Amino acid sequence: MIRVLLDEYLPKKLKYRIQELDSGFDAKTTPEMGWGSLSNGRLLSVAEKEFDVFVTSDKNLSFQQSISKSSIQVVLLVAQTNIYEDLIPLIKKLPVVIKSHKPGRFIEVK
């Protein structure tokens, strides 16, 4: 099972789309985990203990955090907006990215 955490700024229903991609994906949201108010640095340090992949739309995250030293892979979804309809085409690209996850890797999905 590959555990995927979605950032609080992403639509919650993306969790279900990710789980539908592969029966081996278990997706949760940061609010669901009770981590909605954590800063990015603290969030990554807590998340890496329980998750393999962190999916976000925060374009500043890679500049603010040392992802390469983390034990979680960070995936940045780069869409025109953060609304569900704009993100769906990117979600369809995630199976390969999630299955090939590596600690400390940062990947942009456009």
Protein backbone atom coordinates (compact mmCIF):
# COMPACT_ATOMS: atom_id res chain seq x y z
CA MET A 1 0.00 0.00 0.00
CA ILE A 2 1.35 3.41 -0.99
CA ARG A 3 0.17 6.13 1.37
CA VAL A 4 -0.57 9.51 -0.22
CA LEU A 5 -1.21 12.73 1.69
CA LEU A 6 -3.03 15.64 0.03
CA ASP A 7 -2.31 19.20 1.09
CA GLU A 8 -5.17 21.13 2.68
CA TYR A 9 -5.36 23.55 -0.27
CA LEU A 10 -6.38 20.82 -2.69
CA PRO A 11 -10.06 19.90 -3.12
CA LYS A 12 -10.90 17.08 -0.71
CA LYS A 13 -12.62 14.99 -3.36
CA LEU A 14 -9.28 14.49 -5.16
CA LYS A 15 -8.59 11.92 -2.47
CA TYR A 16 -11.23 9.63 -4.00
CA ARG A 17 -9.93 10.14 -7.55
CA ILE A 18 -6.42 9.13 -6.43
CA GLN A 19 -7.72 6.03 -4.67
CA GLU A 20 -9.66 5.07 -7.81
CA LEU A 21 -6.43 5.16 -9.85
CA ASP A 22 -5.00 2.08 -8.15
CA SER A 23 -6.21 -0.24 -5.40
CA GLY A 24 -2.74 0.06 -3.85
CA PHE A 25 -3.13 3.80 -3.16
CA ASP A 26 -4.41 4.96 0.22
CA ALA A 27 -5.05 8.73 0.18
CA LYS A 28 -5.78 11.03 3.10
CA THR A 29 -6.07 14.81 3.45
CA THR A 30 -4.11 16.92 5.94
CA PRO A 31 -7.32 18.10 7.69
CA GLU A 32 -8.48 14.48 7.94
CA MET A 33 -5.21 13.68 9.75
CA GLY A 34 -5.65 16.69 12.04
CA TRP A 35 -2.66 18.45 10.48
CA GLY A 36 -4.46 21.33 8.74
CA SER A 37 -2.87 24.06 10.84
CA LEU A 38 0.74 22.83 10.65
CA SER A 39 3.37 24.90 8.82
CA ASN A 40 4.91 23.28 5.73
CA GLY A 41 8.14 22.33 7.50
CA ARG A 42 6.37 20.75 10.45
CA LEU A 43 3.83 19.10 8.15
CA LEU A 44 6.50 17.38 6.07
CA SER A 45 8.35 16.17 9.14
CA VAL A 46 5.16 14.67 10.62
CA ALA A 47 3.88 13.33 7.29
CA GLU A 48 7.09 11.52 6.35
CA LYS A 49 6.59 9.20 9.32
CA GLU A 50 3.28 7.90 7.94
CA PHE A 51 3.16 8.68 4.21
CA ASP A 52 5.17 7.92 1.08
CA VAL A 53 3.97 10.79 -1.13
CA PHE A 54 2.78 14.33 -0.39
CA VAL A 55 0.68 16.01 -3.11
CA THR A 56 0.42 19.80 -3.08
CA SER A 57 -0.26 22.82 -5.25
CA ASP A 58 1.99 25.11 -3.18
CA LYS A 59 4.57 26.37 -5.68
CA ASN A 60 6.72 27.83 -2.89
CA LEU A 61 7.13 24.59 -0.96
CA SER A 62 10.25 23.47 -2.84
CA PHE A 63 11.93 26.81 -2.09
CA GLN A 64 10.93 26.87 1.57
CA GLN A 65 11.75 23.29 2.56
CA SER A 66 14.67 20.92 2.13
CA ILE A 67 12.75 18.16 0.38
CA SER A 68 15.89 16.27 -0.69
CA LYS A 69 16.60 15.43 2.97
CA SER A 70 13.07 14.21 3.56
CA SER A 71 11.89 10.61 3.49
CA ILE A 72 8.74 11.58 1.58
CA GLN A 73 8.32 12.38 -2.11
CA VAL A 74 6.64 15.70 -2.87
CA VAL A 75 4.47 16.06 -5.97
CA LEU A 76 3.53 19.55 -7.11
CA LEU A 77 0.37 19.79 -9.21
CA VAL A 78 0.77 22.74 -11.58
CA ALA A 79 -2.63 23.78 -12.92
CA GLN A 80 -4.20 27.05 -13.98
CA THR A 81 -6.25 27.11 -10.77
CA ASN A 82 -6.74 24.96 -7.71
CA ILE A 83 -10.28 23.99 -8.60
CA TYR A 84 -11.25 20.37 -9.04
CA GLU A 85 -11.91 20.54 -12.79
CA ASP A 86 -8.46 22.01 -13.53
CA LEU A 87 -6.71 19.38 -11.41
CA ILE A 88 -8.42 16.25 -12.79
CA PRO A 89 -6.23 16.02 -15.95
CA LEU A 90 -3.15 16.08 -13.68
CA ILE A 91 -4.53 13.40 -11.38
CA LYS A 92 -4.68 11.04 -14.35
CA LYS A 93 -0.88 11.38 -14.67
CA LEU A 94 -0.21 10.39 -11.05
CA PRO A 95 -0.15 6.56 -11.12
CA VAL A 96 3.36 6.38 -12.60
CA VAL A 97 4.63 9.18 -10.35
CA ILE A 98 3.21 7.61 -7.18
CA LYS A 99 4.30 4.06 -7.99
CA SER A 100 7.88 5.19 -8.65
CA HIS A 101 8.08 7.29 -5.48
CA LYS A 102 11.48 7.88 -3.93
CA PRO A 103 12.28 9.60 -0.64
CA GLY A 104 13.41 13.20 -1.05
CA ARG A 105 12.28 13.54 -4.66
CA PHE A 106 10.36 16.59 -5.87
CA ILE A 107 8.27 16.21 -9.02
CA GLU A 108 6.14 18.72 -10.90
CA VAL A 109 3.11 17.37 -12.74
CA LYS A 110 1.82 19.71 -15.46
